[in-house]
Amino acid sequence: MLSLRRATEKEHDQIWPSLREVAAAGETYTFDPAIKREEALAYWFAEKNEVWVALSEGRLVGTYLLRANRSGGGSHVANAAFVVAPDAQATGIGRAMAEHCLKEARRLGFRAMQFNFVVSTNTSAIRLWKNLGFEIVGTLPGAFRHPRQGYVDAYVMYRSLI
């Protein structure tokens, strides 16, 4: 049974290992692979971010953040980031968090959601986003330096929430 709730400072120690692993892999986020704990958590828990955790049998198995993509005239478009614990991937946790995030974004009054930088080799994320109604609206050629595949494209993905 998966449950989702707002994150607290108490989860920092549980969230950090997943952030560290994602950063170190260097395959899906533009984080410095050697990012420090304080810097990663400051990014994840930035002031205007809504941070959620996914728990399975009391164990933290994922987290996501939700925020405005831009301020001012762009503040009606949401942005989000997701991390699933490495040993819990491919179990539906990412989908559950994504569906929850879309509902939260609507509840908060966002009219759309945009992902600014989806690495083209992250095929499981792209498949999920497309399945949830996102479209690739732009391609950034060679914008991401993948540790094994070299320079690969990144996508801008978007969907309406109204």
Protein backbone atom coordinates (compact mmCIF):
# COMPACT_ATOMS: atom_id res chain seq x y z
CA MET A 1 0.00 0.00 0.00
CA LEU A 2 1.46 3.32 -1.09
CA SER A 3 0.68 6.54 0.73
CA LEU A 4 1.67 10.08 -0.16
CA ARG A 5 2.01 13.01 2.22
CA ARG A 6 3.80 16.33 2.52
CA ALA A 7 7.48 15.95 3.40
CA THR A 8 8.98 17.34 6.58
CA GLU A 9 12.53 18.05 7.66
CA LYS A 10 12.49 14.64 9.32
CA GLU A 11 12.68 13.05 5.86
CA HIS A 12 15.90 14.80 4.82
CA ASP A 13 18.03 11.82 5.85
CA GLN A 14 15.78 9.44 3.89
CA ILE A 15 15.52 11.62 0.77
CA TRP A 16 19.22 12.42 0.51
CA PRO A 17 20.42 8.90 -0.53
CA SER A 18 18.05 8.85 -3.51
CA LEU A 19 19.04 12.37 -4.57
CA ARG A 20 22.71 11.45 -4.20
CA GLU A 21 22.32 8.32 -6.32
CA VAL A 22 20.43 10.11 -9.08
CA ALA A 23 23.04 12.88 -9.13
CA ALA A 24 25.97 10.47 -9.10
CA ALA A 25 24.53 8.47 -12.01
CA GLY A 26 24.36 11.68 -14.06
CA GLU A 27 21.79 10.23 -16.46
CA THR A 28 18.54 12.09 -15.82
CA TYR A 29 19.15 15.34 -13.94
CA THR A 30 21.57 18.20 -14.47
CA PHE A 31 22.77 17.94 -10.87
CA ASP A 32 26.51 18.01 -10.28
CA PRO A 33 27.39 14.32 -9.81
CA ALA A 34 29.33 15.32 -6.69
CA ILE A 35 26.56 17.52 -5.27
CA LYS A 36 26.75 17.98 -1.52
CA ARG A 37 23.90 16.96 0.77
CA GLU A 38 23.14 20.52 1.86
CA GLU A 39 23.01 21.81 -1.72
CA ALA A 40 20.77 18.98 -2.94
CA LEU A 41 18.35 19.33 -0.05
CA ALA A 42 18.30 23.14 -0.39
CA TYR A 43 17.29 22.70 -4.04
CA TRP A 44 14.65 20.06 -3.26
CA PHE A 45 13.18 21.98 -0.31
CA ALA A 46 13.46 25.49 -1.76
CA GLU A 47 11.05 27.97 -0.23
CA LYS A 48 8.29 27.83 -2.87
CA ASN A 49 8.51 24.07 -3.50
CA GLU A 50 5.78 21.75 -2.28
CA VAL A 51 7.58 18.52 -1.44
CA TRP A 52 5.82 15.19 -1.11
CA VAL A 53 7.03 11.74 -0.10
CA ALA A 54 5.75 8.31 -1.10
CA LEU A 55 5.75 5.67 1.63
CA SER A 56 5.34 1.93 1.24
CA GLU A 57 4.99 -0.06 4.44
CA GLY A 58 6.39 2.92 6.33
CA ARG A 59 9.49 3.16 4.12
CA LEU A 60 10.22 6.23 2.00
CA VAL A 61 10.33 5.01 -1.61
CA GLY A 62 9.98 8.25 -3.54
CA THR A 63 9.66 12.00 -3.43
CA TYR A 64 8.55 14.76 -5.71
CA LEU A 65 8.54 18.52 -5.71
CA LEU A 66 5.93 20.77 -7.24
CA ARG A 67 6.34 24.48 -7.92
CA ALA A 68 5.56 27.25 -10.38
CA ASN A 69 7.67 26.89 -13.51
CA ARG A 70 8.27 30.63 -13.61
CA SER A 71 7.19 33.68 -11.64
CA GLY A 72 4.93 36.52 -12.74
CA GLY A 73 3.22 35.91 -16.06
CA GLY A 74 4.34 32.28 -16.12
CA SER A 75 3.30 31.39 -12.59
CA HIS A 76 0.15 29.57 -13.73
CA VAL A 77 2.28 26.78 -15.24
CA ALA A 78 3.57 24.13 -12.82
CA ASN A 79 6.88 22.34 -12.87
CA ALA A 80 7.84 19.22 -10.95
CA ALA A 81 10.69 16.81 -10.33
CA PHE A 82 10.51 13.18 -9.24
CA VAL A 83 12.90 10.70 -7.65
CA VAL A 84 12.11 7.06 -6.91
CA ALA A 85 14.40 5.11 -4.60
CA PRO A 86 16.68 2.96 -6.79
CA ASP A 87 15.46 -0.33 -5.31
CA ALA A 88 11.81 0.69 -5.81
CA GLN A 89 11.93 1.67 -9.49
CA ALA A 90 9.64 0.04 -12.05
CA THR A 91 7.01 -0.73 -9.39
CA GLY A 92 4.42 1.96 -10.21
CA ILE A 93 5.64 4.46 -7.62
CA GLY A 94 6.62 7.04 -10.24
CA ARG A 95 3.19 6.80 -11.87
CA ALA A 96 1.41 7.11 -8.52
CA MET A 97 3.46 10.19 -7.63
CA ALA A 98 2.88 11.71 -11.09
CA GLU A 99 -0.89 11.21 -10.89
CA HIS A 100 -0.91 12.68 -7.38
CA CYS A 101 1.20 15.61 -8.54
CA LEU A 102 -1.17 16.41 -11.39
CA LYS A 103 -4.11 16.46 -8.95
CA GLU A 104 -2.17 18.69 -6.55
CA ALA A 105 -1.21 21.05 -9.36
CA ARG A 106 -4.88 21.39 -10.32
CA ARG A 107 -5.89 21.88 -6.68
CA LEU A 108 -3.33 24.68 -6.39
CA GLY A 109 -4.80 26.40 -9.44
CA PHE A 110 -2.13 25.68 -12.03
CA ARG A 111 -3.47 25.66 -15.59
CA ALA A 112 -0.70 23.56 -17.14
CA MET A 113 2.44 21.63 -16.31
CA GLN A 114 5.77 21.82 -18.11
CA PHE A 115 8.97 19.86 -17.81
CA ASN A 116 11.82 22.01 -19.09
CA PHE A 117 14.53 19.40 -19.53
CA VAL A 118 13.60 15.74 -20.01
CA VAL A 119 16.67 13.82 -21.13
CA SER A 120 15.85 11.94 -24.34
CA THR A 121 17.49 8.73 -23.09
CA ASN A 122 15.18 8.66 -20.05
CA THR A 123 12.70 6.53 -21.99
CA SER A 124 10.72 5.31 -18.98
CA ALA A 125 9.98 8.91 -17.91
CA ILE A 126 9.09 9.96 -21.47
CA ARG A 127 6.74 6.97 -21.82
CA LEU A 128 5.07 7.83 -18.49
CA TRP A 129 4.66 11.52 -19.33
CA LYS A 130 3.22 10.75 -22.76
CA ASN A 131 0.85 8.22 -21.19
CA LEU A 132 -0.30 10.96 -18.79
CA GLY A 133 -1.05 13.37 -21.63
CA PHE A 134 2.21 15.29 -21.99
CA GLU A 135 3.54 16.18 -25.41
CA ILE A 136 7.06 16.96 -26.54
CA VAL A 137 6.77 20.60 -27.59
CA GLY A 138 10.44 21.27 -28.11
CA THR A 139 13.77 19.54 -28.60
CA LEU A 140 17.06 20.93 -27.33
CA PRO A 141 19.63 19.26 -29.60
CA GLY A 142 22.64 17.84 -27.76
CA ALA A 143 21.71 19.79 -24.61
CA PHE A 144 22.58 17.03 -22.11
CA ARG A 145 25.99 15.44 -21.65
CA HIS A 146 25.22 11.82 -20.78
CA PRO A 147 28.06 10.02 -18.97
CA ARG A 148 28.04 7.05 -21.40
CA GLN A 149 26.18 8.19 -24.50
CA GLY A 150 27.73 11.62 -24.94
CA TYR A 151 25.65 14.60 -26.01
CA VAL A 152 21.98 13.71 -26.28
CA ASP A 153 18.83 15.74 -26.79
CA ALA A 154 16.61 17.07 -24.05
CA TYR A 155 12.89 17.64 -24.46
CA VAL A 156 10.46 20.27 -23.24
CA MET A 157 7.22 18.46 -22.36
CA TYR A 158 3.88 20.12 -21.67
CA ARG A 159 0.24 19.38 -20.88
CA SER A 160 -2.81 21.42 -20.03
CA LEU A 161 -4.47 20.90 -16.68
CA ILE A 162 -7.79 22.50 -17.65
